[in-house]
């Protein structure tokens, strides 16, 4: 989660949200999101992918006998949080699809790498 928070801070520094935005007004959020460049969304997708990878890798490395199961549970928690975030706001469809795939693939990659270690 720290990776996501840091990336959100970077995105906010580069592309700050308007001061007068009303999050209860769907049209104002859509208008603001449509003005954001693709780089703002890419920063978010990278942060979600890296956090999912790190969560899968670390949890698989430090768990006991069921490394794959623990890793999958951990990335599932991250994945559900990302899905809730994506469907709370009005992101472009291309970003929702890309972010979903990046988060799932990198998380699974982290679990596979972390659970593949050999124990003596």
C-alpha atoms as a PDB file:
ATOM      1  CA  UNK A   1       0.000   0.000   0.000  1.00  0.00           C
ATOM      2  CA  UNK A   2       2.964   2.289   0.588  1.00  0.00           C
ATOM      3  CA  UNK A   3       3.885   2.042  -3.105  1.00  0.00           C
ATOM      4  CA  UNK A   4       0.376   3.121  -4.098  1.00  0.00           C
ATOM      5  CA  UNK A   5       0.365   6.034  -1.658  1.00  0.00           C
ATOM      6  CA  UNK A   6       3.741   7.263  -2.883  1.00  0.00           C
ATOM      7  CA  UNK A   7       2.677   7.037  -6.534  1.00  0.00           C
ATOM      8  CA  UNK A   8      -0.573   8.874  -5.783  1.00  0.00           C
ATOM      9  CA  UNK A   9       1.486  11.634  -4.169  1.00  0.00           C
ATOM     10  CA  UNK A  10       3.666  11.842  -7.277  1.00  0.00           C
ATOM     11  CA  UNK A  11       0.599  11.938  -9.526  1.00  0.00           C
ATOM     12  CA  UNK A  12      -1.008  14.599  -7.348  1.00  0.00           C
ATOM     13  CA  UNK A  13       2.173  16.695  -7.521  1.00  0.00           C
ATOM     14  CA  UNK A  14       2.333  16.451 -11.306  1.00  0.00           C
ATOM     15  CA  UNK A  15      -1.398  16.649 -12.026  1.00  0.00           C
ATOM     16  CA  UNK A  16      -3.218  18.171  -9.028  1.00  0.00           C
ATOM     17  CA  UNK A  17      -6.955  17.895  -8.751  1.00  0.00           C
ATOM     18  CA  UNK A  18      -8.947  21.118  -8.957  1.00  0.00           C
ATOM     19  CA  UNK A  19      -9.717  22.799  -5.663  1.00  0.00           C
ATOM     20  CA  UNK A  20     -13.394  23.277  -6.463  1.00  0.00           C
ATOM     21  CA  UNK A  21     -14.183  19.715  -7.576  1.00  0.00           C
ATOM     22  CA  UNK A  22     -17.317  18.151  -6.113  1.00  0.00           C
ATOM     23  CA  UNK A  23     -16.945  14.377  -5.767  1.00  0.00           C
ATOM     24  CA  UNK A  24     -20.725  14.028  -5.476  1.00  0.00           C
ATOM     25  CA  UNK A  25     -21.137  15.510  -8.965  1.00  0.00           C
ATOM     26  CA  UNK A  26     -20.484  12.816 -11.556  1.00  0.00           C
ATOM     27  CA  UNK A  27     -20.186  15.307 -14.425  1.00  0.00           C
ATOM     28  CA  UNK A  28     -17.468  17.371 -12.750  1.00  0.00           C
ATOM     29  CA  UNK A  29     -15.410  14.252 -12.043  1.00  0.00           C
ATOM     30  CA  UNK A  30     -15.788  13.012 -15.622  1.00  0.00           C
ATOM     31  CA  UNK A  31     -14.834  16.459 -16.938  1.00  0.00           C
ATOM     32  CA  UNK A  32     -11.712  16.532 -14.744  1.00  0.00           C
ATOM     33  CA  UNK A  33     -10.730  12.944 -15.662  1.00  0.00           C
ATOM     34  CA  UNK A  34     -11.095  13.707 -19.374  1.00  0.00           C
ATOM     35  CA  UNK A  35      -8.599  16.573 -19.049  1.00  0.00           C
ATOM     36  CA  UNK A  36      -5.927  14.413 -17.405  1.00  0.00           C
ATOM     37  CA  UNK A  37      -3.126  13.200 -19.691  1.00  0.00           C
ATOM     38  CA  UNK A  38      -2.484   9.495 -20.162  1.00  0.00           C
ATOM     39  CA  UNK A  39       0.682   9.771 -18.041  1.00  0.00           C
ATOM     40  CA  UNK A  40      -1.424  10.393 -14.930  1.00  0.00           C
ATOM     41  CA  UNK A  41      -3.265   7.112 -15.449  1.00  0.00           C
ATOM     42  CA  UNK A  42      -0.071   5.242 -16.303  1.00  0.00           C
ATOM     43  CA  UNK A  43       1.476   6.329 -12.990  1.00  0.00           C
ATOM     44  CA  UNK A  44      -1.518   4.855 -11.178  1.00  0.00           C
ATOM     45  CA  UNK A  45      -1.389   1.588 -13.168  1.00  0.00           C
ATOM     46  CA  UNK A  46       2.330   1.187 -12.505  1.00  0.00           C
ATOM     47  CA  UNK A  47       1.802   1.733  -8.785  1.00  0.00           C
ATOM     48  CA  UNK A  48      -0.973  -0.865  -8.650  1.00  0.00           C
ATOM     49  CA  UNK A  49       1.135  -3.374 -10.587  1.00  0.00           C
ATOM     50  CA  UNK A  50       4.243  -2.842  -8.463  1.00  0.00           C
ATOM     51  CA  UNK A  51       2.313  -3.068  -5.210  1.00  0.00           C
ATOM     52  CA  UNK A  52       0.616  -6.271  -6.332  1.00  0.00           C
ATOM     53  CA  UNK A  53       3.972  -7.741  -7.400  1.00  0.00           C
ATOM     54  CA  UNK A  54       5.624  -6.754  -4.110  1.00  0.00           C
ATOM     55  CA  UNK A  55       2.736  -8.115  -2.046  1.00  0.00           C
ATOM     56  CA  UNK A  56       2.766 -11.436  -3.893  1.00  0.00           C
ATOM     57  CA  UNK A  57       6.539 -11.772  -3.773  1.00  0.00           C
ATOM     58  CA  UNK A  58       7.021 -10.842  -0.130  1.00  0.00           C
ATOM     59  CA  UNK A  59       4.093 -12.866   1.199  1.00  0.00           C
ATOM     60  CA  UNK A  60       5.211 -15.929  -0.768  1.00  0.00           C
ATOM     61  CA  UNK A  61       8.797 -15.592   0.412  1.00  0.00           C
ATOM     62  CA  UNK A  62       7.985 -15.290   4.103  1.00  0.00           C
ATOM     63  CA  UNK A  63       5.169 -17.823   4.355  1.00  0.00           C
ATOM     64  CA  UNK A  64       5.606 -21.418   5.415  1.00  0.00           C
ATOM     65  CA  UNK A  65       4.543 -24.478   3.475  1.00  0.00           C
ATOM     66  CA  UNK A  66       1.647 -23.035   1.468  1.00  0.00           C
ATOM     67  CA  UNK A  67       3.522 -20.223  -0.220  1.00  0.00           C
ATOM     68  CA  UNK A  68       1.352 -20.153  -3.344  1.00  0.00           C
ATOM     69  CA  UNK A  69      -1.886 -20.013  -1.336  1.00  0.00           C
ATOM     70  CA  UNK A  70      -0.698 -17.230   0.951  1.00  0.00           C
ATOM     71  CA  UNK A  71       0.600 -15.260  -2.017  1.00  0.00           C
ATOM     72  CA  UNK A  72      -2.666 -15.614  -3.925  1.00  0.00           C
ATOM     73  CA  UNK A  73      -4.681 -14.500  -0.895  1.00  0.00           C
ATOM     74  CA  UNK A  74      -2.428 -11.472  -0.484  1.00  0.00           C
ATOM     75  CA  UNK A  75      -2.669 -10.351  -4.097  1.00  0.00           C
ATOM     76  CA  UNK A  76      -6.420 -10.959  -3.981  1.00  0.00           C
ATOM     77  CA  UNK A  77      -6.682  -8.372  -1.205  1.00  0.00           C
ATOM     78  CA  UNK A  78      -4.720  -5.865  -3.314  1.00  0.00           C
ATOM     79  CA  UNK A  79      -6.737  -6.760  -6.412  1.00  0.00           C
ATOM     80  CA  UNK A  80     -10.079  -6.237  -4.653  1.00  0.00           C
ATOM     81  CA  UNK A  81      -8.914  -2.871  -3.307  1.00  0.00           C
ATOM     82  CA  UNK A  82      -7.835  -1.805  -6.802  1.00  0.00           C
ATOM     83  CA  UNK A  83     -11.182  -2.918  -8.283  1.00  0.00           C
ATOM     84  CA  UNK A  84     -13.072  -0.937  -5.665  1.00  0.00           C
ATOM     85  CA  UNK A  85     -10.944   2.113  -6.493  1.00  0.00           C
ATOM     86  CA  UNK A  86     -11.439   1.703 -10.242  1.00  0.00           C
ATOM     87  CA  UNK A  87     -15.199   1.429 -10.009  1.00  0.00           C
ATOM     88  CA  UNK A  88     -15.652   4.181  -7.423  1.00  0.00           C
ATOM     89  CA  UNK A  89     -14.454   6.887  -9.794  1.00  0.00           C
ATOM     90  CA  UNK A  90     -15.158   7.424 -13.470  1.00  0.00           C
ATOM     91  CA  UNK A  91     -11.944   6.328 -15.137  1.00  0.00           C
ATOM     92  CA  UNK A  92     -11.632   5.814 -18.899  1.00  0.00           C
ATOM     93  CA  UNK A  93     -12.402   2.280 -20.051  1.00  0.00           C
ATOM     94  CA  UNK A  94      -8.914   1.758 -21.526  1.00  0.00           C
ATOM     95  CA  UNK A  95      -7.405   2.514 -18.115  1.00  0.00           C
ATOM     96  CA  UNK A  96      -9.738   0.191 -16.200  1.00  0.00           C
ATOM     97  CA  UNK A  97      -8.871  -2.699 -18.512  1.00  0.00           C
ATOM     98  CA  UNK A  98      -5.140  -1.959 -18.499  1.00  0.00           C
ATOM     99  CA  UNK A  99      -4.965  -1.496 -14.739  1.00  0.00           C
ATOM    100  CA  UNK A 100      -6.899  -4.703 -14.099  1.00  0.00           C
ATOM    101  CA  UNK A 101      -4.590  -6.752 -16.332  1.00  0.00           C
ATOM    102  CA  UNK A 102      -1.387  -5.154 -15.010  1.00  0.00           C
ATOM    103  CA  UNK A 103      -2.395  -5.683 -11.376  1.00  0.00           C
ATOM    104  CA  UNK A 104      -3.374  -9.321 -11.909  1.00  0.00           C
ATOM    105  CA  UNK A 105      -0.400 -10.329 -14.075  1.00  0.00           C
ATOM    106  CA  UNK A 106       2.290  -8.652 -11.964  1.00  0.00           C
ATOM    107  CA  UNK A 107       0.731  -9.950  -8.742  1.00  0.00           C
ATOM    108  CA  UNK A 108       0.678 -13.509 -10.053  1.00  0.00           C
ATOM    109  CA  UNK A 109       4.253 -13.118 -11.306  1.00  0.00           C
ATOM    110  CA  UNK A 110       5.353 -12.064  -7.820  1.00  0.00           C
ATOM    111  CA  UNK A 111       3.632 -15.071  -6.272  1.00  0.00           C
ATOM    112  CA  UNK A 112       5.211 -17.490  -8.760  1.00  0.00           C
ATOM    113  CA  UNK A 113       8.699 -16.052  -8.201  1.00  0.00           C
ATOM    114  CA  UNK A 114       8.291 -15.993  -4.428  1.00  0.00           C
ATOM    115  CA  UNK A 115       6.820 -19.481  -4.132  1.00  0.00           C
ATOM    116  CA  UNK A 116       9.411 -21.036  -6.433  1.00  0.00           C
ATOM    117  CA  UNK A 117      12.270 -20.795  -3.954  1.00  0.00           C
ATOM    118  CA  UNK A 118      13.901 -23.970  -2.790  1.00  0.00           C
ATOM    119  CA  UNK A 119      13.935 -24.752   0.925  1.00  0.00           C
ATOM    120  CA  UNK A 120      16.760 -26.757   2.469  1.00  0.00           C
END
